[in-house]
C-alpha cells in the first residue's frame, strides 16, 4: 500500500485528535516489501461487511483505487499517530473490479494462496527494521 482512501465514515479517534495523515505509509518499508509483492497501489477502506456494488467498483477504479477492503486503514492511522512506522500488505482477491459477484470462498482461496508472499513481506520488514 502506498496510500489510502477512507470510505468507512469512521476514525480511530474520538475527541479532538488531529493528526497529519498525508504520510501514513512509510516509504522505506513500502519499498522493502515491494520486492515480494506483485503490485502496489492505493487501498480504499469501505465500511463493510458487504462487498462493493458494481457502481462502487466502477467509481473506485475510475478514481485511482487499486484495491478495496474493510480493514487496515484505521489501524494504520492510529499507529501513525503513535509514531509507529507503517506499511501494509493486502491480499487482493479480485484484480478486475468486475461485474461478477465476489464470493467468500474466492476470498479465502486467494488468502490461502498468498501466504508465502505475505510471509516474505513480513520477513523483509523485520530485516529492514533490525
N, C-alpha and C. Protein backbone atom coordinates (compact mmCIF):
# COMPACT_ATOMS: atom_id res chain seq x y z
N UNK A 1 0.85 -1.17 0.00
CA UNK A 1 0.00 0.00 0.00
C UNK A 1 0.89 1.23 0.00
N UNK A 2 0.64 2.09 -0.95
CA UNK A 2 1.42 3.33 -0.94
C UNK A 2 0.60 4.51 -0.45
N UNK A 3 -0.71 4.36 -0.39
CA UNK A 3 -1.60 5.39 0.15
C UNK A 3 -2.97 4.78 0.35
N UNK A 4 -3.89 5.55 0.91
CA UNK A 4 -5.24 5.02 1.15
C UNK A 4 -6.29 6.10 0.99
N UNK A 5 -7.52 5.63 0.87
CA UNK A 5 -8.70 6.49 0.89
C UNK A 5 -9.66 5.87 1.90
N UNK A 6 -10.19 6.69 2.79
CA UNK A 6 -11.06 6.20 3.85
C UNK A 6 -12.52 6.46 3.48
N UNK A 7 -13.19 5.41 2.99
CA UNK A 7 -14.62 5.48 2.70
C UNK A 7 -15.45 4.90 3.84
N UNK A 8 -14.84 4.60 4.96
CA UNK A 8 -15.56 3.91 6.03
C UNK A 8 -16.50 4.82 6.81
N UNK A 9 -16.24 6.12 6.75
CA UNK A 9 -17.03 7.04 7.56
C UNK A 9 -16.63 7.02 9.02
N UNK A 10 -15.49 6.41 9.32
CA UNK A 10 -15.04 6.28 10.70
C UNK A 10 -13.64 6.84 10.87
N UNK A 11 -13.29 7.07 12.12
CA UNK A 11 -11.96 7.49 12.50
C UNK A 11 -11.54 6.63 13.69
N UNK A 12 -10.25 6.36 13.85
CA UNK A 12 -9.84 5.61 15.03
C UNK A 12 -9.86 6.44 16.31
N UNK A 13 -10.16 7.72 16.20
CA UNK A 13 -10.11 8.62 17.33
C UNK A 13 -11.49 9.15 17.70
N UNK A 14 -11.64 9.46 18.96
CA UNK A 14 -12.79 10.22 19.42
C UNK A 14 -12.24 11.46 20.10
N UNK A 15 -12.94 12.54 19.98
CA UNK A 15 -12.45 13.78 20.58
C UNK A 15 -11.51 14.51 19.65
N UNK A 16 -10.86 15.53 20.19
CA UNK A 16 -10.05 16.43 19.36
C UNK A 16 -8.63 15.91 19.08
N UNK A 17 -8.53 14.83 18.33
CA UNK A 17 -7.22 14.33 17.92
C UNK A 17 -7.05 14.71 16.45
N UNK A 18 -6.09 15.56 16.20
CA UNK A 18 -5.83 15.99 14.83
C UNK A 18 -4.43 15.53 14.46
N UNK A 19 -4.34 14.68 13.47
CA UNK A 19 -3.05 14.14 13.07
C UNK A 19 -2.92 14.25 11.55
N UNK A 20 -1.74 14.63 11.10
CA UNK A 20 -1.47 14.71 9.67
C UNK A 20 -1.31 13.29 9.14
N UNK A 21 -2.20 12.88 8.26
CA UNK A 21 -2.13 11.53 7.73
C UNK A 21 -1.66 11.51 6.27
N UNK A 22 -1.02 12.59 5.85
CA UNK A 22 -0.53 12.63 4.47
C UNK A 22 0.65 11.69 4.25
N UNK A 23 1.29 11.26 5.33
CA UNK A 23 2.46 10.37 5.22
C UNK A 23 2.32 9.15 6.13
N UNK A 24 1.17 8.50 6.12
CA UNK A 24 0.96 7.34 6.98
C UNK A 24 1.89 6.19 6.58
N UNK A 25 2.02 5.95 5.30
CA UNK A 25 2.72 4.77 4.79
C UNK A 25 4.21 5.07 4.65
N UNK A 26 5.04 4.39 5.41
CA UNK A 26 6.48 4.57 5.43
C UNK A 26 7.08 4.14 4.08
N UNK A 27 7.74 5.05 3.40
CA UNK A 27 8.24 4.77 2.05
C UNK A 27 9.36 3.73 2.05
N UNK A 28 10.21 3.71 3.06
CA UNK A 28 11.29 2.71 3.11
C UNK A 28 10.75 1.30 3.33
N UNK A 29 9.80 1.16 4.24
CA UNK A 29 9.20 -0.16 4.48
C UNK A 29 8.38 -0.61 3.27
N UNK A 30 7.68 0.33 2.66
CA UNK A 30 6.90 0.00 1.46
C UNK A 30 7.81 -0.47 0.34
N UNK A 31 8.95 0.20 0.16
CA UNK A 31 9.90 -0.23 -0.87
C UNK A 31 10.46 -1.61 -0.56
N UNK A 32 10.70 -1.89 0.71
CA UNK A 32 11.25 -3.20 1.09
C UNK A 32 10.28 -4.33 0.76
N UNK A 33 9.01 -4.15 1.05
CA UNK A 33 8.07 -5.24 0.77
C UNK A 33 7.69 -5.32 -0.70
N UNK A 34 7.92 -4.26 -1.43
CA UNK A 34 7.60 -4.28 -2.86
C UNK A 34 8.45 -5.30 -3.60
N UNK A 35 9.59 -5.68 -3.02
CA UNK A 35 10.43 -6.72 -3.62
C UNK A 35 9.69 -8.04 -3.74
N UNK A 36 8.70 -8.26 -2.88
CA UNK A 36 7.99 -9.54 -2.85
C UNK A 36 6.55 -9.43 -3.33
N UNK A 37 5.98 -8.26 -3.26
CA UNK A 37 4.58 -8.09 -3.67
C UNK A 37 4.52 -7.86 -5.17
N UNK A 38 3.52 -8.40 -5.81
CA UNK A 38 3.41 -8.28 -7.27
C UNK A 38 2.86 -6.93 -7.70
N UNK A 39 2.19 -6.22 -6.80
CA UNK A 39 1.60 -4.93 -7.15
C UNK A 39 1.69 -3.98 -5.96
N UNK A 40 1.55 -2.71 -6.24
CA UNK A 40 1.39 -1.73 -5.17
C UNK A 40 0.35 -0.72 -5.63
N UNK A 41 -0.24 -0.02 -4.68
CA UNK A 41 -1.24 0.94 -5.09
C UNK A 41 -1.98 1.57 -3.93
N UNK A 42 -3.09 2.16 -4.28
CA UNK A 42 -3.95 2.87 -3.33
C UNK A 42 -5.03 1.92 -2.84
N UNK A 43 -5.13 1.83 -1.52
CA UNK A 43 -6.10 0.95 -0.86
C UNK A 43 -7.26 1.80 -0.35
N UNK A 44 -8.46 1.37 -0.62
CA UNK A 44 -9.64 2.05 -0.08
C UNK A 44 -10.30 1.16 0.95
N UNK A 45 -10.69 1.76 2.06
CA UNK A 45 -11.45 1.02 3.06
C UNK A 45 -12.93 1.38 2.89
N UNK A 46 -13.74 0.34 2.85
CA UNK A 46 -15.19 0.54 2.85
C UNK A 46 -15.73 0.04 4.19
N UNK A 47 -16.92 0.44 4.49
CA UNK A 47 -17.48 0.13 5.80
C UNK A 47 -17.69 -1.36 5.99
N UNK A 48 -18.16 -2.04 4.97
CA UNK A 48 -18.43 -3.47 5.09
C UNK A 48 -19.59 -3.75 6.03
N UNK A 49 -19.92 -4.97 6.29
CA UNK A 49 -19.22 -6.17 5.90
C UNK A 49 -19.57 -6.68 4.50
N UNK A 50 -20.27 -5.93 3.73
CA UNK A 50 -20.62 -6.39 2.39
C UNK A 50 -19.55 -5.98 1.39
N UNK A 51 -19.48 -6.71 0.27
CA UNK A 51 -18.58 -6.34 -0.81
C UNK A 51 -19.19 -5.17 -1.58
N UNK A 52 -18.39 -4.50 -2.39
CA UNK A 52 -18.86 -3.30 -3.08
C UNK A 52 -19.81 -3.63 -4.23
N UNK A 53 -20.63 -2.65 -4.57
CA UNK A 53 -21.54 -2.78 -5.70
C UNK A 53 -20.76 -2.55 -6.99
N UNK A 54 -21.37 -2.87 -8.12
CA UNK A 54 -20.73 -2.63 -9.41
C UNK A 54 -20.47 -1.14 -9.60
N UNK A 55 -21.43 -0.30 -9.23
CA UNK A 55 -21.24 1.15 -9.36
C UNK A 55 -20.09 1.63 -8.49
N UNK A 56 -19.98 1.10 -7.28
CA UNK A 56 -18.86 1.47 -6.41
C UNK A 56 -17.54 1.03 -7.02
N UNK A 57 -17.52 -0.18 -7.58
CA UNK A 57 -16.30 -0.68 -8.22
C UNK A 57 -15.87 0.22 -9.37
N UNK A 58 -16.81 0.62 -10.20
CA UNK A 58 -16.50 1.49 -11.33
C UNK A 58 -15.98 2.84 -10.83
N UNK A 59 -16.63 3.40 -9.82
CA UNK A 59 -16.20 4.68 -9.27
C UNK A 59 -14.79 4.57 -8.70
N UNK A 60 -14.51 3.51 -7.97
CA UNK A 60 -13.19 3.34 -7.38
C UNK A 60 -12.12 3.18 -8.46
N UNK A 61 -12.36 2.31 -9.41
CA UNK A 61 -11.39 2.09 -10.47
C UNK A 61 -11.12 3.38 -11.23
N UNK A 62 -12.17 4.16 -11.52
CA UNK A 62 -12.02 5.40 -12.27
C UNK A 62 -11.34 6.52 -11.47
N UNK A 63 -11.20 6.31 -10.16
CA UNK A 63 -10.59 7.33 -9.31
C UNK A 63 -9.27 6.88 -8.70
N UNK A 64 -8.60 5.93 -9.35
CA UNK A 64 -7.25 5.57 -8.95
C UNK A 64 -7.12 4.61 -7.79
N UNK A 65 -8.20 3.96 -7.42
CA UNK A 65 -8.14 2.99 -6.33
C UNK A 65 -7.79 1.63 -6.93
N UNK A 66 -6.80 0.98 -6.34
CA UNK A 66 -6.30 -0.28 -6.86
C UNK A 66 -6.84 -1.50 -6.13
N UNK A 67 -7.24 -1.31 -4.87
CA UNK A 67 -7.76 -2.42 -4.08
C UNK A 67 -8.69 -1.87 -3.01
N UNK A 68 -9.62 -2.70 -2.59
CA UNK A 68 -10.58 -2.26 -1.58
C UNK A 68 -10.74 -3.36 -0.54
N UNK A 69 -10.89 -2.94 0.70
CA UNK A 69 -11.09 -3.88 1.78
C UNK A 69 -11.85 -3.23 2.91
N UNK A 70 -11.92 -3.93 4.03
CA UNK A 70 -12.71 -3.46 5.16
C UNK A 70 -11.88 -3.30 6.41
N UNK A 71 -10.57 -3.19 6.24
CA UNK A 71 -9.70 -3.10 7.41
C UNK A 71 -8.45 -2.30 7.06
N UNK A 72 -7.51 -2.30 7.96
CA UNK A 72 -6.14 -1.80 7.77
C UNK A 72 -6.00 -0.29 7.93
N UNK A 73 -6.85 0.49 7.31
CA UNK A 73 -6.65 1.94 7.29
C UNK A 73 -6.79 2.56 8.68
N UNK A 74 -7.82 2.22 9.42
CA UNK A 74 -8.00 2.83 10.74
C UNK A 74 -6.86 2.44 11.68
N UNK A 75 -6.41 1.19 11.59
CA UNK A 75 -5.29 0.75 12.40
C UNK A 75 -4.01 1.49 12.00
N UNK A 76 -3.81 1.67 10.69
CA UNK A 76 -2.62 2.37 10.21
C UNK A 76 -2.61 3.82 10.69
N UNK A 77 -3.74 4.47 10.65
CA UNK A 77 -3.83 5.86 11.12
C UNK A 77 -3.50 5.95 12.60
N UNK A 78 -4.05 5.04 13.39
CA UNK A 78 -3.80 5.04 14.83
C UNK A 78 -2.32 4.78 15.13
N UNK A 79 -1.72 3.85 14.43
CA UNK A 79 -0.30 3.57 14.63
C UNK A 79 0.56 4.77 14.23
N UNK A 80 0.22 5.38 13.12
CA UNK A 80 0.95 6.56 12.65
C UNK A 80 0.90 7.68 13.69
N UNK A 81 -0.26 7.87 14.30
CA UNK A 81 -0.42 8.90 15.31
C UNK A 81 0.47 8.62 16.52
N UNK A 82 0.74 7.35 16.78
CA UNK A 82 1.60 6.95 17.90
C UNK A 82 3.09 7.00 17.54
N UNK A 83 3.39 7.31 16.28
CA UNK A 83 4.78 7.40 15.85
C UNK A 83 5.36 6.10 15.33
N UNK A 84 4.54 5.10 15.10
CA UNK A 84 4.98 3.81 14.60
C UNK A 84 5.13 3.88 13.07
N UNK A 85 6.21 3.31 12.56
CA UNK A 85 6.38 3.22 11.10
C UNK A 85 5.38 2.20 10.56
N UNK A 86 4.69 2.56 9.48
CA UNK A 86 3.59 1.74 8.99
C UNK A 86 3.81 1.36 7.53
N UNK A 87 3.56 0.09 7.24
CA UNK A 87 3.46 -0.37 5.86
C UNK A 87 2.30 -1.36 5.82
N UNK A 88 1.84 -1.68 4.65
CA UNK A 88 0.69 -2.57 4.58
C UNK A 88 0.76 -3.51 3.40
N UNK A 89 0.26 -4.72 3.63
CA UNK A 89 0.13 -5.73 2.59
C UNK A 89 -1.32 -6.15 2.58
N UNK A 90 -1.90 -6.18 1.41
CA UNK A 90 -3.28 -6.62 1.27
C UNK A 90 -3.34 -7.75 0.26
N UNK A 91 -4.05 -8.80 0.60
CA UNK A 91 -4.27 -9.88 -0.35
C UNK A 91 -5.48 -9.50 -1.18
N UNK A 92 -5.24 -9.23 -2.44
CA UNK A 92 -6.31 -8.80 -3.33
C UNK A 92 -6.89 -10.02 -4.02
N UNK A 93 -8.17 -10.27 -3.80
CA UNK A 93 -8.80 -11.48 -4.34
C UNK A 93 -9.46 -11.24 -5.69
N UNK A 94 -9.68 -9.99 -6.06
CA UNK A 94 -10.32 -9.68 -7.34
C UNK A 94 -9.58 -8.51 -7.94
N UNK A 95 -8.80 -8.75 -9.00
CA UNK A 95 -7.99 -7.70 -9.60
C UNK A 95 -8.72 -6.93 -10.69
N UNK A 96 -9.96 -7.26 -10.94
CA UNK A 96 -10.64 -6.68 -12.10
C UNK A 96 -11.68 -5.64 -11.77
N UNK A 97 -12.13 -5.55 -10.53
CA UNK A 97 -13.32 -4.76 -10.21
C UNK A 97 -14.44 -5.16 -11.18
N UNK A 98 -14.60 -6.45 -11.36
CA UNK A 98 -15.51 -6.96 -12.39
C UNK A 98 -16.97 -6.91 -11.96
N UNK A 99 -17.83 -7.20 -12.93
CA UNK A 99 -19.26 -7.20 -12.65
C UNK A 99 -19.72 -8.53 -12.06
N UNK A 100 -18.83 -9.53 -12.01
CA UNK A 100 -19.22 -10.80 -11.41
C UNK A 100 -19.11 -10.70 -9.89
N UNK A 101 -20.01 -11.32 -9.19
CA UNK A 101 -20.00 -11.22 -7.73
C UNK A 101 -18.74 -11.82 -7.11
N UNK A 102 -18.32 -11.24 -6.01
CA UNK A 102 -17.22 -11.79 -5.22
C UNK A 102 -17.81 -12.78 -4.24
N UNK A 103 -17.20 -13.95 -4.18
CA UNK A 103 -17.68 -14.95 -3.23
C UNK A 103 -16.69 -15.06 -2.09
N UNK A 104 -17.22 -15.42 -0.94
CA UNK A 104 -16.36 -15.56 0.24
C UNK A 104 -15.33 -16.67 0.03
N UNK A 105 -15.71 -17.75 -0.66
CA UNK A 105 -14.76 -18.84 -0.89
C UNK A 105 -13.61 -18.40 -1.78
N UNK A 106 -13.87 -17.53 -2.75
CA UNK A 106 -12.79 -16.99 -3.60
C UNK A 106 -11.81 -16.16 -2.77
N UNK A 107 -12.35 -15.37 -1.86
CA UNK A 107 -11.51 -14.56 -1.00
C UNK A 107 -10.64 -15.46 -0.12
N UNK A 108 -11.22 -16.48 0.48
CA UNK A 108 -10.46 -17.40 1.32
C UNK A 108 -9.37 -18.12 0.52
N UNK A 109 -9.70 -18.52 -0.70
CA UNK A 109 -8.71 -19.18 -1.56
C UNK A 109 -7.55 -18.23 -1.88
N UNK A 110 -7.85 -16.98 -2.20
CA UNK A 110 -6.81 -16.00 -2.51
C UNK A 110 -5.90 -15.79 -1.30
N UNK A 111 -6.50 -15.70 -0.12
CA UNK A 111 -5.70 -15.50 1.09
C UNK A 111 -4.78 -16.70 1.32
N UNK A 112 -5.31 -17.88 1.20
CA UNK A 112 -4.50 -19.09 1.43
C UNK A 112 -3.34 -19.16 0.44
N UNK A 113 -3.59 -18.85 -0.82
CA UNK A 113 -2.52 -18.95 -1.82
C UNK A 113 -1.48 -17.85 -1.67
N UNK A 114 -1.82 -16.78 -0.96
CA UNK A 114 -0.89 -15.65 -0.79
C UNK A 114 -0.02 -15.77 0.46
N UNK A 115 -0.19 -16.81 1.24
CA UNK A 115 0.56 -16.94 2.49
C UNK A 115 2.07 -16.82 2.28
N UNK A 116 2.68 -17.49 1.30
CA UNK A 116 4.14 -17.34 1.13
C UNK A 116 4.57 -15.90 0.84
N UNK A 117 3.81 -15.19 0.03
CA UNK A 117 4.13 -13.80 -0.27
C UNK A 117 4.04 -12.93 0.97
N UNK A 118 2.99 -13.11 1.75
CA UNK A 118 2.82 -12.32 2.98
C UNK A 118 3.95 -12.63 3.96
N UNK A 119 4.32 -13.90 4.07
CA UNK A 119 5.44 -14.26 4.95
C UNK A 119 6.73 -13.57 4.50
N UNK A 120 7.00 -13.59 3.20
CA UNK A 120 8.21 -12.93 2.69
C UNK A 120 8.19 -11.43 2.97
N UNK A 121 7.03 -10.81 2.82
CA UNK A 121 6.92 -9.38 3.12
C UNK A 121 7.19 -9.12 4.60
N UNK A 122 6.64 -9.95 5.46
CA UNK A 122 6.86 -9.79 6.90
C UNK A 122 8.34 -9.95 7.25
N UNK A 123 8.99 -10.96 6.70
CA UNK A 123 10.43 -11.14 6.93
C UNK A 123 11.22 -9.93 6.44
N UNK A 124 10.83 -9.37 5.31
CA UNK A 124 11.52 -8.21 4.75
C UNK A 124 11.39 -7.00 5.67
N UNK A 125 10.21 -6.80 6.25
CA UNK A 125 10.00 -5.69 7.18
C UNK A 125 10.88 -5.88 8.41
N UNK A 126 10.91 -7.09 8.95
CA UNK A 126 11.72 -7.37 10.13
C UNK A 126 13.20 -7.13 9.80
N UNK A 127 13.65 -7.61 8.66
CA UNK A 127 15.06 -7.39 8.28
C UNK A 127 15.37 -5.91 8.06
N UNK A 128 14.43 -5.16 7.56
CA UNK A 128 14.64 -3.73 7.35
C UNK A 128 14.71 -2.99 8.67
N UNK A 129 13.89 -3.37 9.61
CA UNK A 129 13.86 -2.69 10.91
C UNK A 129 15.02 -3.10 11.81
N UNK A 130 15.49 -4.33 11.68
CA UNK A 130 16.50 -4.83 12.60
C UNK A 130 17.70 -5.29 11.82
